[in-house]
Protein backbone atom coordinates (compact mmCIF):
# COMPACT_ATOMS: atom_id res chain seq x y z
CA UNK A 1 0.45 0.40 0.13
CA UNK A 2 1.72 3.51 -0.49
CA UNK A 3 2.66 6.14 1.07
CA UNK A 4 -0.02 8.59 -0.43
CA UNK A 5 -3.24 6.19 0.18
CA UNK A 6 -1.89 5.91 3.27
CA UNK A 7 -2.30 9.59 3.69
CA UNK A 8 -5.72 10.19 2.00
CA UNK A 9 -7.56 7.46 3.55
CA UNK A 10 -5.99 8.36 7.58
CA UNK A 11 -7.38 11.45 6.33
CA UNK A 12 -10.94 10.72 5.15
CA UNK A 13 -11.74 8.51 8.35
CA UNK A 14 -10.50 11.53 10.61
CA UNK A 15 -13.10 13.56 8.77
CA UNK A 16 -15.59 11.69 9.37
CA UNK A 17 -16.24 10.58 12.61
CA UNK A 18 -18.73 8.08 13.15
CA UNK A 19 -21.84 8.31 14.59
CA UNK A 20 -23.44 6.10 17.73
CA UNK A 21 -25.11 3.08 16.01
CA UNK A 22 -29.03 3.22 16.25
CA UNK A 23 -32.29 1.35 16.25
CA UNK A 24 -33.68 -0.44 13.45
CA UNK A 25 -36.31 1.39 11.75
CA UNK A 26 -39.82 0.60 12.24
CA UNK A 27 -39.63 0.78 8.06
CA UNK A 28 -37.24 -1.85 8.61
CA UNK A 29 -38.81 -4.15 11.22
CA UNK A 30 -41.63 -3.87 8.21
CA UNK A 31 -39.52 -4.90 5.75
CA UNK A 32 -39.04 -8.37 7.74
CA UNK A 33 -42.90 -8.40 8.90
CA UNK A 34 -44.05 -8.55 4.94
CA UNK A 35 -41.55 -10.62 3.84
CA UNK A 36 -42.11 -13.68 6.40
CA UNK A 37 -45.38 -13.16 5.73
CA UNK A 38 -45.41 -13.70 2.57
CA UNK A 39 -43.34 -16.88 2.38
CA UNK A 40 -46.10 -18.22 5.00
CA UNK A 41 -49.07 -17.25 2.54
CA UNK A 42 -47.12 -20.07 -0.34
CA UNK A 43 -46.87 -22.18 2.78
CA UNK A 44 -50.73 -21.85 4.08
CA UNK A 45 -51.66 -22.10 -0.09
CA UNK A 46 -49.44 -25.22 -0.90
CA UNK A 47 -51.13 -26.85 2.12
CA UNK A 48 -54.09 -25.75 1.33
CA UNK A 49 -53.71 -27.24 -2.75
CA UNK A 50 -53.56 -23.52 -3.66
CA UNK A 51 -51.25 -22.92 -6.81
CA UNK A 52 -48.21 -21.00 -6.25
CA UNK A 53 -46.57 -19.02 -8.64
CA UNK A 54 -43.01 -18.50 -9.49
CA UNK A 55 -42.31 -14.66 -10.86
CA UNK A 56 -39.74 -12.74 -12.83
CA UNK A 57 -39.27 -9.11 -11.33
CA UNK A 58 -40.60 -6.97 -13.32
CA UNK A 59 -44.43 -8.80 -14.55
CA UNK A 60 -47.57 -7.28 -14.54
CA UNK A 61 -47.77 -8.47 -9.85
CA UNK A 62 -51.15 -6.61 -10.57
CA UNK A 63 -52.15 -9.49 -12.59
CA UNK A 64 -51.54 -12.24 -10.34
CA UNK A 65 -52.15 -10.11 -6.93
CA UNK A 66 -56.24 -9.68 -8.81
CA UNK A 67 -56.55 -13.33 -8.94
CA UNK A 68 -55.45 -13.69 -5.39
CA UNK A 69 -52.60 -16.14 -6.79
CA UNK A 70 -49.95 -16.10 -4.57
CA UNK A 71 -46.29 -15.54 -6.16
CA UNK A 72 -42.98 -15.70 -4.45
CA UNK A 73 -39.49 -14.29 -6.04
CA UNK A 74 -36.25 -16.33 -7.11
CA UNK A 75 -34.58 -12.97 -8.33
CA UNK A 76 -34.80 -11.79 -4.69
CA UNK A 77 -34.60 -14.62 -2.96
CA UNK A 78 -31.19 -15.53 -4.18
CA UNK A 79 -30.33 -12.11 -3.69
CA UNK A 80 -31.32 -12.58 -0.27
CA UNK A 81 -29.10 -16.02 -0.29
CA UNK A 82 -26.16 -13.89 -1.58
CA UNK A 83 -26.35 -10.91 0.82
CA UNK A 84 -26.15 -13.68 3.54
CA UNK A 85 -22.80 -15.29 2.45
CA UNK A 86 -24.83 -18.34 1.68
CA UNK A 87 -24.44 -18.93 -1.43
CA UNK A 88 -20.93 -21.07 -2.38
CA UNK A 89 -23.18 -24.70 -2.04
CA UNK A 90 -25.42 -24.12 -4.45
CA UNK A 91 -22.39 -22.42 -7.42
CA UNK A 92 -20.72 -25.28 -6.45
CA UNK A 93 -23.42 -27.82 -6.68
CA UNK A 94 -25.00 -25.93 -9.74
CA UNK A 95 -21.52 -25.63 -12.18
CA UNK A 96 -20.00 -29.35 -10.65
CA UNK A 97 -23.07 -32.25 -10.01
CA UNK A 98 -25.58 -30.21 -12.21
CA UNK A 99 -23.46 -29.59 -14.47
CA UNK A 100 -24.17 -25.76 -15.42
CA UNK A 101 -22.24 -23.70 -17.30
CA UNK A 102 -19.99 -20.74 -14.99
CA UNK A 103 -21.15 -18.24 -16.89
CA UNK A 104 -24.40 -18.49 -16.27
CA UNK A 105 -26.30 -15.33 -13.92
CA UNK A 106 -25.53 -16.19 -10.75
CA UNK A 107 -29.22 -15.94 -10.01
CA UNK A 108 -29.95 -18.29 -12.19
CA UNK A 109 -27.41 -20.70 -10.91
CA UNK A 110 -28.91 -19.97 -7.03
CA UNK A 111 -32.21 -20.82 -7.97
CA UNK A 112 -31.88 -23.87 -10.43
CA UNK A 113 -29.66 -25.57 -7.93
CA UNK A 114 -31.85 -24.39 -5.11
CA UNK A 115 -34.96 -26.22 -7.10
CA UNK A 116 -33.02 -28.96 -7.65
CA UNK A 117 -33.30 -29.63 -3.86
CA UNK A 118 -36.57 -29.00 -3.97
CA UNK A 119 -36.97 -32.21 -6.24
CA UNK A 120 -34.66 -34.39 -3.84
CA UNK A 121 -31.98 -33.71 -6.94
CA UNK A 122 -29.47 -32.44 -5.03
CA UNK A 123 -28.74 -32.58 -1.05
CA UNK A 124 -27.33 -29.58 -0.81
CA UNK A 125 -28.60 -28.25 2.30
CA UNK A 126 -30.46 -24.98 2.40
CA UNK A 127 -29.82 -22.43 4.39
CA UNK A 128 -33.90 -21.04 4.85
CA UNK A 129 -35.57 -24.40 5.38
CA UNK A 130 -37.60 -24.31 2.03
CA UNK A 131 -39.52 -21.25 2.24
CA UNK A 132 -39.04 -20.42 -1.59
CA UNK A 133 -41.95 -23.94 -1.70
CA UNK A 134 -41.92 -25.41 -5.30
CA UNK A 135 -44.32 -23.44 -8.01
CA UNK A 136 -46.91 -24.70 -9.72
CA UNK A 137 -47.06 -22.04 -12.48
CA UNK A 138 -44.40 -19.63 -14.00
CA UNK A 139 -44.55 -16.08 -14.76
CA UNK A 140 -42.41 -13.94 -16.61
CA UNK A 141 -41.56 -11.36 -19.48
CA UNK A 142 -39.20 -10.95 -22.26
CA UNK A 143 -38.36 -7.07 -20.89
CA UNK A 144 -35.28 -7.93 -18.71
CA UNK A 145 -32.43 -10.38 -20.84
CA UNK A 146 -32.97 -13.58 -23.10
CA UNK A 147 -30.78 -15.81 -20.49
CA UNK A 148 -33.70 -15.17 -17.83
CA UNK A 149 -36.01 -16.98 -20.46
CA UNK A 150 -34.22 -19.92 -20.77
CA UNK A 151 -33.93 -20.26 -17.41
CA UNK A 152 -37.21 -20.44 -16.84
CA UNK A 153 -37.86 -22.01 -19.58
CA UNK A 154 -35.57 -24.64 -17.66
CA UNK A 155 -37.16 -23.71 -14.25
CA UNK A 156 -41.10 -24.82 -16.41
CA UNK A 157 -39.25 -28.43 -18.34
CA UNK A 158 -37.04 -28.99 -14.63
CA UNK A 159 -40.42 -29.11 -12.90
CA UNK A 160 -42.75 -30.07 -15.23
CA UNK A 161 -45.43 -27.28 -14.97
CA UNK A 162 -46.44 -24.43 -17.17
CA UNK A 163 -45.04 -21.05 -17.90
CA UNK A 164 -46.84 -17.57 -18.59
CA UNK A 165 -44.85 -15.43 -20.94
CA UNK A 166 -45.73 -11.98 -22.25
CA UNK A 167 -43.31 -10.91 -25.12
CA UNK A 168 -42.49 -7.07 -25.12
CA UNK A 169 -39.09 -7.15 -27.31
CA UNK A 170 -36.35 -5.38 -27.75
CA UNK A 171 -36.95 -1.35 -27.91
CA UNK A 172 -34.90 0.66 -29.79
CA UNK A 173 -36.57 3.89 -29.39
CA UNK A 174 -37.31 6.53 -26.33
CA UNK A 175 -41.23 5.61 -26.87
CA UNK A 176 -43.60 2.54 -26.92
CA UNK A 177 -45.30 3.01 -29.80
CA UNK A 178 -49.33 2.01 -30.40
CA UNK A 179 -48.06 -1.43 -32.21
CA UNK A 180 -46.41 -2.58 -29.64
CA UNK A 181 -49.05 -1.22 -27.10
CA UNK A 182 -51.56 -3.68 -28.43
CA UNK A 183 -49.22 -6.57 -29.39
CA UNK A 184 -48.62 -6.81 -25.28
CA UNK A 185 -52.32 -6.47 -24.84
CA UNK A 186 -52.81 -8.76 -27.15
CA UNK A 187 -50.51 -11.23 -24.79
CA UNK A 188 -52.17 -9.46 -21.35
CA UNK A 189 -55.63 -10.51 -22.13
CA UNK A 190 -54.69 -13.32 -23.16
CA UNK A 191 -52.16 -14.43 -19.85
CA UNK A 192 -55.44 -13.42 -17.66
CA UNK A 193 -58.03 -15.58 -19.57
CA UNK A 194 -55.30 -18.98 -19.69
CA UNK A 195 -54.65 -18.09 -15.85
CA UNK A 196 -57.96 -18.03 -15.10
CA UNK A 197 -58.62 -21.30 -16.73
CA UNK A 198 -55.27 -23.19 -15.10
CA UNK A 199 -56.07 -21.79 -11.33
CA UNK A 200 -60.23 -22.20 -11.62
CA UNK A 201 -60.23 -18.05 -10.16
CA UNK A 202 -62.51 -15.48 -12.05
CA UNK A 203 -61.20 -12.48 -13.28
CA UNK A 204 -62.76 -9.17 -11.23
CA UNK A 205 -62.22 -6.19 -13.19
CA UNK A 206 -62.99 -4.18 -9.88
CA UNK A 207 -60.93 -5.88 -8.11
CA UNK A 208 -58.05 -5.10 -10.71
CA UNK A 209 -58.75 -1.81 -10.57
CA UNK A 210 -58.65 -1.17 -6.72
CA UNK A 211 -55.09 -3.54 -7.08
CA UNK A 212 -53.86 -1.31 -9.60
CA UNK A 213 -55.04 2.03 -7.63
CA UNK A 214 -52.76 0.39 -4.22
CA UNK A 215 -50.19 -0.03 -6.85
CA UNK A 216 -50.12 3.21 -8.30
CA UNK A 217 -49.86 4.67 -5.22
CA UNK A 218 -47.17 2.18 -3.95
CA UNK A 219 -45.01 3.72 -6.89
CA UNK A 220 -45.41 7.05 -6.18
CA UNK A 221 -44.34 6.94 -2.48
CA UNK A 222 -41.39 4.33 -3.81
CA UNK A 223 -40.65 7.25 -6.24
CA UNK A 224 -41.13 9.70 -3.81
CA UNK A 225 -38.85 8.41 -1.20
CA UNK A 226 -36.31 7.75 -4.18
CA UNK A 227 -36.47 12.23 -4.65
CA UNK A 228 -36.74 13.07 -0.94
CA UNK A 229 -32.52 12.06 -1.31
CA UNK A 230 -31.99 15.61 -2.98
CA UNK A 231 -31.71 17.23 -0.03
CA UNK A 232 -28.68 17.87 2.25
CA UNK A 233 -27.35 15.83 4.19
CA UNK A 234 -29.06 12.85 2.57
CA UNK A 235 -31.92 11.75 5.26
CA UNK A 236 -30.48 8.49 4.74
CA UNK A 237 -27.47 5.96 3.64
CA UNK A 238 -29.19 5.55 0.05
CA UNK A 239 -27.55 1.80 0.25
CA UNK A 240 -30.47 1.27 2.60
CA UNK A 241 -32.99 1.67 0.22
CA UNK A 242 -31.94 -0.90 -1.04
CA UNK A 243 -33.38 -2.96 1.84
CA UNK A 244 -37.08 -1.40 0.24
CA UNK A 245 -37.12 -2.62 -3.27
CA UNK A 246 -38.48 -6.09 -2.14
CA UNK A 247 -42.22 -4.37 -1.52
CA UNK A 248 -42.18 -3.37 -4.40
CA UNK A 249 -40.47 -5.99 -6.49
CA UNK A 250 -43.09 -8.92 -4.65
CA UNK A 251 -45.79 -6.58 -2.96
CA UNK A 252 -46.70 -3.80 -5.19
CA UNK A 253 -49.74 -4.75 -4.87
CA UNK A 254 -50.61 -4.97 -1.10
CA UNK A 255 -51.47 -2.24 1.21
CA UNK A 256 -48.92 -3.71 3.55
CA UNK A 257 -46.11 -1.69 1.25
CA UNK A 258 -48.28 1.51 0.97
CA UNK A 259 -47.79 1.22 4.85
CA UNK A 260 -44.24 0.49 4.53
CA UNK A 261 -43.47 3.51 1.83
CA UNK A 262 -45.76 5.50 4.06
CA UNK A 263 -43.70 5.33 7.04
CA UNK A 264 -40.59 5.93 5.42
CA UNK A 265 -41.43 8.96 3.20
CA UNK A 266 -42.04 10.08 7.11
CA UNK A 267 -38.75 8.83 8.39
CA UNK A 268 -37.08 10.34 5.81
CA UNK A 269 -39.00 13.60 6.18
CA UNK A 270 -38.40 13.62 10.27
CA UNK A 271 -34.67 13.48 9.09
CA UNK A 272 -34.75 16.24 6.70
CA UNK A 273 -36.88 18.08 8.77
CA UNK A 274 -33.78 17.84 11.92
CA UNK A 275 -31.37 17.90 9.82
CA UNK A 276 -30.07 14.60 10.08
CA UNK A 277 -28.72 11.65 8.21
CA UNK A 278 -28.89 7.65 9.13
CA UNK A 279 -25.80 7.76 7.17
CA UNK A 280 -23.60 6.74 9.27
CA UNK A 281 -20.79 9.45 8.93
CA UNK A 282 -20.50 13.38 8.11
CA UNK A 283 -21.59 13.33 4.11
CA UNK A 284 -18.58 14.65 2.07
CA UNK A 285 -19.13 13.58 -1.58
CA UNK A 286 -23.19 12.23 -2.73
CA UNK A 287 -22.60 9.91 -6.15
CA UNK A 288 -24.72 8.01 -7.80
CA UNK A 289 -24.51 3.92 -8.00
CA UNK A 290 -25.00 2.77 -11.75
CA UNK A 291 -26.19 -1.36 -11.47
CA UNK A 292 -27.36 -3.96 -9.76
CA UNK A 293 -26.03 -4.14 -6.01
CA UNK A 294 -23.03 -6.24 -5.33
CA UNK A 295 -25.41 -8.08 -3.22
CA UNK A 296 -22.20 -10.39 -1.46
CA UNK A 297 -20.16 -7.75 -0.80
CA UNK A 298 -22.64 -4.80 -0.42
CA UNK A 299 -21.44 -4.24 3.67
CA UNK A 300 -17.55 -3.93 2.18
CA UNK A 301 -18.59 -1.52 -0.62
CA UNK A 302 -20.65 0.71 2.27
CA UNK A 303 -17.31 0.09 4.63
CA UNK A 304 -14.86 1.69 1.62
CA UNK A 305 -17.58 4.41 0.82
CA UNK A 306 -17.94 5.38 4.31
CA UNK A 307 -14.32 6.63 4.44
CA UNK A 308 -14.25 8.86 2.25
CA UNK A 309 -17.79 10.31 3.71
CA UNK A 310 -19.83 9.12 0.26
CA UNK A 311 -23.07 8.37 0.42
CA UNK A 312 -25.10 7.06 -2.53
CA UNK A 313 -28.07 9.31 -3.39
CA UNK A 314 -28.98 8.03 -6.61
CA UNK A 315 -29.26 4.76 -8.49
CA UNK A 316 -31.16 3.84 -11.56
CA UNK A 317 -31.51 0.00 -10.05
CA UNK A 318 -33.21 0.92 -7.45
CA UNK A 319 -36.36 3.08 -8.73
CA UNK A 320 -37.02 0.52 -11.25
CA UNK A 321 -40.10 -0.39 -9.83
CA UNK A 322 -41.48 2.58 -9.60
CA UNK A 323 -43.92 1.38 -12.24
CA UNK A 324 -47.16 3.76 -13.79
CA UNK A 325 -50.30 3.31 -15.21
CA UNK A 326 -53.89 3.46 -14.84
CA UNK A 327 -55.08 0.93 -17.24
CA UNK A 328 -54.62 -2.09 -19.55
CA UNK A 329 -53.01 -0.03 -22.01
CA UNK A 330 -51.11 1.64 -19.29
CA UNK A 331 -49.84 -1.70 -18.28
CA UNK A 332 -48.49 -2.68 -21.66
CA UNK A 333 -46.88 0.66 -21.83
CA UNK A 334 -45.26 0.52 -18.74
CA UNK A 335 -43.64 -2.69 -18.87
CA UNK A 336 -43.06 -2.61 -22.38
CA UNK A 337 -40.57 0.19 -21.36
CA UNK A 338 -39.33 -1.23 -18.30
CA UNK A 339 -36.07 -3.23 -17.07
CA UNK A 340 -32.80 -3.50 -19.86
CA UNK A 341 -34.73 -4.70 -22.68
CA UNK A 342 -37.82 -2.17 -23.26
CA UNK A 343 -34.42 1.23 -22.63
CA UNK A 344 -31.69 2.07 -25.01
CA UNK A 345 -28.74 3.99 -24.46
CA UNK A 346 -30.21 7.82 -25.28
CA UNK A 347 -32.68 7.14 -22.71
CA UNK A 348 -30.59 5.60 -20.17
CA UNK A 349 -28.15 8.39 -20.71
CA UNK A 350 -30.86 11.40 -20.43
CA UNK A 351 -32.60 9.75 -17.29
CA UNK A 352 -29.23 9.68 -15.68
CA UNK A 353 -27.99 12.47 -16.36
CA UNK A 354 -31.62 13.96 -14.82
CA UNK A 355 -30.47 11.90 -11.15
CA UNK A 356 -26.85 13.30 -11.30
CA UNK A 357 -28.01 17.32 -11.91
CA UNK A 358 -30.57 16.82 -9.40
CA UNK A 359 -28.67 14.52 -6.66
CA UNK A 360 -26.31 16.90 -7.50
CA UNK A 361 -23.42 14.26 -7.69
CA UNK A 362 -20.10 14.57 -7.59
CA UNK A 363 -19.24 11.23 -9.39
CA UNK A 364 -20.90 8.01 -10.01
CA UNK A 365 -19.77 4.25 -9.65
CA UNK A 366 -20.59 2.07 -12.25
CA UNK A 367 -20.95 -2.15 -11.25
CA UNK A 368 -19.77 -3.95 -13.76
CA UNK A 369 -22.24 -7.31 -13.43
CA UNK A 370 -20.05 -10.35 -14.13
CA UNK A 371 -23.84 -11.82 -14.55
CA UNK A 372 -25.78 -9.29 -16.11
CA UNK A 373 -24.08 -9.07 -19.04
CA UNK A 374 -27.35 -7.55 -21.19
CA UNK A 375 -26.88 -4.09 -19.34
CA UNK A 376 -22.98 -4.65 -19.09
CA UNK A 377 -22.99 -4.48 -22.89
CA UNK A 378 -23.99 -0.56 -23.16
CA UNK A 379 -23.39 1.03 -19.65
CA UNK A 380 -19.90 1.90 -20.77
CA UNK A 381 -20.78 3.70 -22.94
CA UNK A 382 -23.13 5.54 -21.59
CA UNK A 383 -21.04 5.97 -18.62
CA UNK A 384 -18.16 7.91 -20.94
CA UNK A 385 -21.21 10.22 -22.34
CA UNK A 386 -22.38 10.56 -19.00
CA UNK A 387 -19.51 12.26 -17.28
CA UNK A 388 -18.82 14.02 -20.12
CA UNK A 389 -22.21 15.57 -20.28
CA UNK A 390 -22.62 15.86 -16.46
CA UNK A 391 -18.72 16.65 -15.80
CA UNK A 392 -18.58 14.53 -13.30
CA UNK A 393 -16.22 11.21 -13.16
CA UNK A 394 -17.25 7.98 -12.80
CA UNK A 395 -15.02 4.82 -11.91
CA UNK A 396 -15.95 0.98 -12.37
CA UNK A 397 -15.23 -2.39 -10.64
CA UNK A 398 -15.83 -6.25 -11.59
CA UNK A 399 -18.17 -7.63 -9.21
CA UNK A 400 -20.83 -9.64 -9.54
CA UNK A 401 -25.12 -10.06 -8.40
CA UNK A 402 -24.80 -13.00 -6.66
CA UNK A 403 -20.92 -15.06 -6.94
CA UNK A 404 -18.85 -13.63 -4.43
CA UNK A 405 -15.85 -15.30 -6.73
CA UNK A 406 -16.13 -11.85 -9.06
CA UNK A 407 -14.83 -9.73 -6.85
CA UNK A 408 -11.89 -8.16 -5.59
CA UNK A 409 -11.94 -5.99 -2.27
CA UNK A 410 -8.61 -4.25 -3.11
CA UNK A 411 -9.48 -3.37 -6.75
CA UNK A 412 -13.14 -1.49 -5.19
CA UNK A 413 -10.82 0.40 -3.11
CA UNK A 414 -8.15 1.16 -5.36
CA UNK A 415 -11.02 2.70 -7.60
CA UNK A 416 -13.23 4.77 -4.93
CA UNK A 417 -9.44 6.14 -3.88
CA UNK A 418 -9.17 6.51 -7.63
CA UNK A 419 -12.29 8.98 -7.39
CA UNK A 420 -12.40 10.84 -4.60
CA UNK A 421 -8.66 12.10 -5.83
CA UNK A 422 -10.68 13.30 -9.40
CA UNK A 423 -13.36 14.61 -7.17
CA UNK A 424 -11.68 16.59 -4.75
CA UNK A 425 -9.84 17.84 -7.46
CA UNK A 426 -12.48 19.42 -8.97
CA UNK A 427 -14.34 21.19 -6.31
CA UNK A 428 -10.82 22.75 -5.31
CA UNK A 429 -11.16 23.85 -9.16
CA UNK A 430 -15.17 24.91 -8.73
CA UNK A 431 -14.12 26.87 -5.32
CA UNK A 432 -10.90 28.84 -7.29
CA UNK A 433 -12.52 29.62 -10.29
């Protein structure tokens, strides 16, 4: 380690004194309660002979909610396994006895190995005791990536269960054409018909309008919570917002999510009024985060950023679930424009530029995620253009959303050190005119 690095790090640590630990926020406790309730409802549904679904994260959840179908989310579940450092046995099983490629998305590898255990085809011990009960139906859309498609097709074959699929196609434009809306809307209508036939449930339009209203209120509250980070200091540490994503991913159409989001907004507003922040050190720099969270090393990411007083106040990842619409046509349009396959470099750039300016960010951090190749394909160029347009530096680091092997702590620390040096120089240049 160089003398310069040691001195810079020591100076950062001395200028950012640690704050005393605080009790866990009520909103975070509510997230835990909601998660436990979802898994328990799935267990009870299986016991009672009801169908349980597994779904991709950006799927029109409101349809399943209207039908009263309990749905679990493999992406969210595997992110939790990775964050708790429990991924290794599943990765080894998937790449070894199960014979899958090491280049697959780590979410897929964890879930495929987990599924093999549920089918009694693997002896790996489940760290959660099997709370992710085996599905009877699968739901997915093509608005994320083609690897997700193959993952779910494999699950359907492995479990011998039906898959309900909505093709949204790649969107090269910064808007959704009416022909595309009609194409997807027809699939949504067919999905409702087929799900009713499969589950024996009946579609209730009045119930759907109610669920849709709840979902939209939750999206509004989630968007508002993210936007409250524009205050200085930001009312909470930006990484804390990742903890609330499960409510939007798994429970968008539920009143329990409304209660969580209202509580989160209240807590943030209280901190703003008092000029306080839950960020554990004084906020010296404000940055944006691009890409999926590096779940296995989220604590290391935060510890490193804290050393320099860096708070992550903007993230395109978290805001992806603020999905807004007011009818089935609007649903078709919204889900076409959501996530990676519904995005393009131009729209990605414009949204990130707006966020950098609104949040007054002095830099941006890009997670080069080995698992998410469709995102990585264009993000480096987006970051270059964003840096030039916004006049702020960016740095990148190699990592993975769930595979702990694709990360170097020393690389991350060095990249952040370099970012801080450039941000400091830019600040000094502005102050000196």
